[in-house]
PDB file of N, CA and C in Angstrom:
ATOM      1  N   MET A   1     120.683 237.858 -40.547  1.00  0.00           N
ATOM      2  CA  MET A   1     120.902 236.447 -40.391  1.00  0.00           C
ATOM      3  C   MET A   1     120.183 234.784 -39.867  1.00  0.00           C
ATOM      4  N   CYS A   2     119.161 235.464 -39.789  1.00  0.00           N
ATOM      5  CA  CYS A   2     118.542 234.872 -38.935  1.00  0.00           C
ATOM      6  C   CYS A   2     117.910 234.364 -40.976  1.00  0.00           C
ATOM      7  N   ARG A   3     117.013 234.984 -41.721  1.00  0.00           N
ATOM      8  CA  ARG A   3     116.210 234.481 -43.081  1.00  0.00           C
ATOM      9  C   ARG A   3     117.874 233.743 -43.184  1.00  0.00           C
ATOM     10  N   ARG A   4     118.798 233.820 -43.340  1.00  0.00           N
ATOM     11  CA  ARG A   4     120.082 233.257 -44.368  1.00  0.00           C
ATOM     12  C   ARG A   4     119.284 231.614 -43.904  1.00  0.00           C
ATOM     13  N   SER A   5     119.520 231.505 -42.211  1.00  0.00           N
ATOM     14  CA  SER A   5     119.158 230.090 -41.965  1.00  0.00           C
ATOM     15  C   SER A   5     118.149 229.740 -42.036  1.00  0.00           C
ATOM     16  N   ARG A   6     117.489 230.562 -42.371  1.00  0.00           N
ATOM     17  CA  ARG A   6     115.877 230.187 -42.244  1.00  0.00           C
ATOM     18  C   ARG A   6     115.428 229.365 -44.130  1.00  0.00           C
ATOM     19  N   SER A   7     116.159 229.885 -44.774  1.00  0.00           N
ATOM     20  CA  SER A   7     115.774 229.861 -46.561  1.00  0.00           C
ATOM     21  C   SER A   7     116.919 228.528 -46.106  1.00  0.00           C
ATOM     22  N   ILE A   8     118.169 228.151 -45.780  1.00  0.00           N
ATOM     23  CA  ILE A   8     119.217 227.627 -45.366  1.00  0.00           C
ATOM     24  C   ILE A   8     117.486 225.901 -45.686  1.00  0.00           C
ATOM     25  N   GLY A   9     117.599 225.865 -44.352  1.00  0.00           N
ATOM     26  CA  GLY A   9     117.184 224.625 -43.909  1.00  0.00           C
ATOM     27  C   GLY A   9     115.727 224.602 -44.593  1.00  0.00           C
ATOM     28  N   ALA A  10     115.377 226.228 -44.770  1.00  0.00           N
ATOM     29  CA  ALA A  10     114.204 225.434 -45.658  1.00  0.00           C
ATOM     30  C   ALA A  10     114.599 224.490 -46.841  1.00  0.00           C
ATOM     31  N   ASP A  11     115.924 225.193 -47.870  1.00  0.00           N
ATOM     32  CA  ASP A  11     116.415 224.159 -48.990  1.00  0.00           C
ATOM     33  C   ASP A  11     116.473 222.913 -48.404  1.00  0.00           C
ATOM     34  N   ALA A  12     117.481 222.473 -47.152  1.00  0.00           N
ATOM     35  CA  ALA A  12     117.798 221.096 -46.664  1.00  0.00           C
ATOM     36  C   ALA A  12     115.887 220.425 -46.839  1.00  0.00           C
ATOM     37  N   ARG A  13     115.322 220.781 -46.175  1.00  0.00           N
ATOM     38  CA  ARG A  13     113.771 219.862 -45.876  1.00  0.00           C
ATOM     39  C   ARG A  13     113.419 220.276 -47.576  1.00  0.00           C
ATOM     40  N   ALA A  14     113.350 220.469 -48.773  1.00  0.00           N
ATOM     41  CA  ALA A  14     113.194 220.277 -50.411  1.00  0.00           C
ATOM     42  C   ALA A  14     113.709 219.457 -50.383  1.00  0.00           C
ATOM     43  N   THR A  15     115.193 219.396 -50.092  1.00  0.00           N
ATOM     44  CA  THR A  15     116.065 218.329 -51.081  1.00  0.00           C
ATOM     45  C   THR A  15     115.581 217.003 -49.999  1.00  0.00           C
ATOM     46  N   VAL A  16     114.495 216.616 -48.761  1.00  0.00           N
ATOM     47  CA  VAL A  16     114.703 215.769 -48.402  1.00  0.00           C
ATOM     48  C   VAL A  16     112.968 214.776 -49.034  1.00  0.00           C
ATOM     49  N   ARG A  17     112.395 215.876 -49.206  1.00  0.00           N
ATOM     50  CA  ARG A  17     111.753 215.656 -49.933  1.00  0.00           C
ATOM     51  C   ARG A  17     111.991 215.254 -50.838  1.00  0.00           C
ATOM     52  N   THR A  18     112.517 216.139 -52.077  1.00  0.00           N
ATOM     53  CA  THR A  18     112.911 214.532 -53.384  1.00  0.00           C
ATOM     54  C   THR A  18     113.610 213.603 -53.297  1.00  0.00           C
ATOM     55  N   ASP A  19     114.363 213.817 -52.820  1.00  0.00           N
ATOM     56  CA  ASP A  19     114.697 212.318 -52.633  1.00  0.00           C
ATOM     57  C   ASP A  19     113.556 211.659 -52.364  1.00  0.00           C
ATOM     58  N   ASP A  20     112.589 211.513 -51.003  1.00  0.00           N
ATOM     59  CA  ASP A  20     111.743 210.453 -51.093  1.00  0.00           C
ATOM     60  C   ASP A  20     110.297 210.013 -52.212  1.00  0.00           C
ATOM     61  N   ARG A  21     110.487 211.515 -52.758  1.00  0.00           N
ATOM     62  CA  ARG A  21     110.237 211.314 -53.240  1.00  0.00           C
ATOM     63  C   ARG A  21     110.711 210.447 -55.360  1.00  0.00           C
ATOM     64  N   VAL A  22     112.009 210.722 -55.163  1.00  0.00           N
ATOM     65  CA  VAL A  22     112.629 210.119 -56.075  1.00  0.00           C
ATOM     66  C   VAL A  22     112.946 208.235 -55.461  1.00  0.00           C
ATOM     67  N   VAL A  23     112.273 208.634 -54.326  1.00  0.00           N
ATOM     68  CA  VAL A  23     112.817 206.523 -53.462  1.00  0.00           C
ATOM     69  C   VAL A  23     111.469 206.199 -53.723  1.00  0.00           C
ATOM     70  N   THR A  24     110.424 206.676 -53.868  1.00  0.00           N
ATOM     71  CA  THR A  24     108.740 206.126 -54.133  1.00  0.00           C
ATOM     72  C   THR A  24     108.318 206.482 -55.411  1.00  0.00           C
ATOM     73  N   VAL A  25     109.132 207.078 -56.552  1.00  0.00           N
ATOM     74  CA  VAL A  25     108.644 206.710 -57.185  1.00  0.00           C
ATOM     75  C   VAL A  25     109.872 205.171 -57.657  1.00  0.00           C
ATOM     76  N   PHE A  26     111.107 205.232 -57.751  1.00  0.00           N
ATOM     77  CA  PHE A  26     111.516 203.892 -57.499  1.00  0.00           C
ATOM     78  C   PHE A  26     110.379 202.916 -57.457  1.00  0.00           C
ATOM     79  N   LEU A  27     110.456 202.556 -56.502  1.00  0.00           N
ATOM     80  CA  LEU A  27     109.842 201.932 -55.452  1.00  0.00           C
ATOM     81  C   LEU A  27     108.089 201.280 -55.894  1.00  0.00           C
ATOM     82  N   ALA A  28     108.080 202.224 -56.840  1.00  0.00           N
ATOM     83  CA  ALA A  28     106.315 202.180 -57.863  1.00  0.00           C
ATOM     84  C   ALA A  28     106.923 201.516 -59.200  1.00  0.00           C
ATOM     85  N   LEU A  29     107.575 201.922 -59.966  1.00  0.00           N
ATOM     86  CA  LEU A  29     108.731 201.397 -60.970  1.00  0.00           C
ATOM     87  C   LEU A  29     109.164 200.255 -60.442  1.00  0.00           C
ATOM     88  N   LEU A  30     109.851 198.984 -59.590  1.00  0.00           N
ATOM     89  CA  LEU A  30     110.032 198.416 -59.137  1.00  0.00           C
ATOM     90  C   LEU A  30     108.995 198.074 -59.319  1.00  0.00           C
ATOM     91  N   SER A  31     107.869 197.391 -58.515  1.00  0.00           N
ATOM     92  CA  SER A  31     106.563 196.585 -58.046  1.00  0.00           C
ATOM     93  C   SER A  31     106.031 196.644 -59.810  1.00  0.00           C
ATOM     94  N   VAL A  32     105.294 197.620 -60.352  1.00  0.00           N
ATOM     95  CA  VAL A  32     105.664 197.472 -62.089  1.00  0.00           C
ATOM     96  C   VAL A  32     105.559 196.064 -63.017  1.00  0.00           C
ATOM     97  N   VAL A  33     106.966 196.515 -62.453  1.00  0.00           N
ATOM     98  CA  VAL A  33     108.518 195.581 -63.587  1.00  0.00           C
ATOM     99  C   VAL A  33     107.682 194.390 -62.321  1.00  0.00           C
ATOM    100  N   VAL A  34     107.937 193.931 -61.091  1.00  0.00           N
ATOM    101  CA  VAL A  34     107.752 192.588 -60.901  1.00  0.00           C
ATOM    102  C   VAL A  34     106.211 192.311 -61.092  1.00  0.00           C
ATOM    103  N   LEU A  35     105.688 193.311 -61.446  1.00  0.00           N
ATOM    104  CA  LEU A  35     104.250 192.458 -61.855  1.00  0.00           C
ATOM    105  C   LEU A  35     103.859 192.458 -62.988  1.00  0.00           C
ATOM    106  N   VAL A  36     104.771 192.758 -64.000  1.00  0.00           N
ATOM    107  CA  VAL A  36     104.525 192.036 -65.030  1.00  0.00           C
ATOM    108  C   VAL A  36     105.850 190.992 -65.479  1.00  0.00           C
ATOM    109  N   VAL A  37     106.618 190.925 -64.769  1.00  0.00           N
ATOM    110  CA  VAL A  37     107.624 189.702 -65.082  1.00  0.00           C
ATOM    111  C   VAL A  37     106.468 188.337 -64.516  1.00  0.00           C
ATOM    112  N   LEU A  38     106.399 188.654 -63.495  1.00  0.00           N
ATOM    113  CA  LEU A  38     105.093 187.396 -62.321  1.00  0.00           C
ATOM    114  C   LEU A  38     103.810 187.008 -63.696  1.00  0.00           C
ATOM    115  N   LEU A  39     102.818 188.265 -63.989  1.00  0.00           N
ATOM    116  CA  LEU A  39     101.595 188.092 -65.749  1.00  0.00           C
ATOM    117  C   LEU A  39     102.936 187.153 -66.303  1.00  0.00           C
ATOM    118  N   HIS A  40     104.148 187.589 -66.629  1.00  0.00           N
ATOM    119  CA  HIS A  40     104.771 186.700 -67.628  1.00  0.00           C
ATOM    120  C   HIS A  40     105.062 185.538 -67.809  1.00  0.00           C
ATOM    121  N   TYR A  41     105.353 185.237 -66.196  1.00  0.00           N
ATOM    122  CA  TYR A  41     105.675 183.646 -66.157  1.00  0.00           C
ATOM    123  C   TYR A  41     104.226 182.589 -66.170  1.00  0.00           C
ATOM    124  N   ALA A  42     102.836 184.257 -65.624  1.00  0.00           N
ATOM    125  CA  ALA A  42     101.558 182.390 -64.807  1.00  0.00           C
ATOM    126  C   ALA A  42     102.007 182.356 -66.745  1.00  0.00           C
ATOM    127  N   VAL A  43     101.197 183.301 -67.303  1.00  0.00           N
ATOM    128  CA  VAL A  43     101.511 182.845 -68.689  1.00  0.00           C
ATOM    129  C   VAL A  43     101.643 182.016 -69.571  1.00  0.00           C
ATOM    130  N   VAL A  44     103.110 182.105 -69.613  1.00  0.00           N
ATOM    131  CA  VAL A  44     104.401 181.166 -69.594  1.00  0.00           C
ATOM    132  C   VAL A  44     103.167 179.289 -69.269  1.00  0.00           C
ATOM    133  N   VAL A  45     102.728 179.541 -68.047  1.00  0.00           N
ATOM    134  CA  VAL A  45     103.478 177.936 -67.326  1.00  0.00           C
ATOM    135  C   VAL A  45     101.744 177.912 -67.914  1.00  0.00           C
ATOM    136  N   LEU A  46     100.414 178.512 -68.196  1.00  0.00           N
ATOM    137  CA  LEU A  46      99.188 178.393 -68.197  1.00  0.00           C
ATOM    138  C   LEU A  46      99.960 177.974 -70.226  1.00  0.00           C
ATOM    139  N   ASP A  47     100.537 178.463 -70.575  1.00  0.00           N
ATOM    140  CA  ASP A  47     100.393 178.048 -72.176  1.00  0.00           C
ATOM    141  C   ASP A  47     101.028 176.788 -71.937  1.00  0.00           C
ATOM    142  N   THR A  48     101.789 176.078 -71.332  1.00  0.00           N
ATOM    143  CA  THR A  48     102.204 175.142 -71.625  1.00  0.00           C
ATOM    144  C   THR A  48     101.000 174.005 -70.550  1.00  0.00           C
ATOM    145  N   LEU A  49     100.402 173.892 -70.064  1.00  0.00           N
ATOM    146  CA  LEU A  49      99.088 172.786 -69.955  1.00  0.00           C
ATOM    147  C   LEU A  49      98.477 172.322 -71.309  1.00  0.00           C
ATOM    148  N   PRO A  50      97.731 171.398 -70.562  1.00  0.00           N
ATOM    149  CA  PRO A  50      98.143 170.937 -72.082  1.00  0.00           C
ATOM    150  C   PRO A  50      95.932 170.904 -72.292  1.00  0.00           C
ATOM    151  N   SER A  51      95.477 171.278 -73.185  1.00  0.00           N
ATOM    152  CA  SER A  51      93.758 172.008 -73.290  1.00  0.00           C
ATOM    153  C   SER A  51      92.829 170.476 -73.124  1.00  0.00           C
ATOM    154  N   VAL A  52      91.939 171.400 -72.219  1.00  0.00           N
ATOM    155  CA  VAL A  52      90.505 169.742 -71.923  1.00  0.00           C
ATOM    156  C   VAL A  52      89.757 170.402 -72.848  1.00  0.00           C
ATOM    157  N   PRO A  53      89.832 168.434 -73.804  1.00  0.00           N
ATOM    158  CA  PRO A  53      88.945 168.209 -74.183  1.00  0.00           C
ATOM    159  C   PRO A  53      87.419 168.092 -74.075  1.00  0.00           C
ATOM    160  N   PRO A  54      86.884 168.954 -76.022  1.00  0.00           N
ATOM    161  CA  PRO A  54      85.433 168.857 -74.824  1.00  0.00           C
ATOM    162  C   PRO A  54      84.365 167.679 -74.277  1.00  0.00           C
ATOM    163  N   ASP A  55      84.924 166.985 -74.556  1.00  0.00           N
ATOM    164  CA  ASP A  55      84.285 165.278 -74.333  1.00  0.00           C
ATOM    165  C   ASP A  55      84.395 166.053 -72.112  1.00  0.00           C
ATOM    166  N   VAL A  56      85.230 165.943 -71.865  1.00  0.00           N
ATOM    167  CA  VAL A  56      85.378 165.864 -70.664  1.00  0.00           C
ATOM    168  C   VAL A  56      84.439 166.859 -69.738  1.00  0.00           C
ATOM    169  N   VAL A  57      84.293 167.869 -70.343  1.00  0.00           N
ATOM    170  CA  VAL A  57      84.136 169.143 -70.312  1.00  0.00           C
ATOM    171  C   VAL A  57      82.658 168.731 -69.480  1.00  0.00           C
ATOM    172  N   GLY A  58      81.757 168.838 -70.165  1.00  0.00           N
ATOM    173  CA  GLY A  58      80.435 167.554 -70.719  1.00  0.00           C
ATOM    174  C   GLY A  58      79.802 169.143 -69.845  1.00  0.00           C
ATOM    175  N   ASP A  59      78.216 169.308 -70.692  1.00  0.00           N
ATOM    176  CA  ASP A  59      76.828 169.647 -70.616  1.00  0.00           C
ATOM    177  C   ASP A  59      75.697 169.728 -69.134  1.00  0.00           C
TER     178      ASP A  59
END
């Protein structure tokens, strides 16, 4: 009977580790999505800025 309880405990620990991996992968994917959205809006804002005339830059 000892062996059975040990295998059940090992199975429970494996399940917790799998859940932790799912949460970690979900958070990683969420952070990638947030980064893509942030970069998209940064590009949109930069595209709306007026271009600098060449005589303003100077040499």
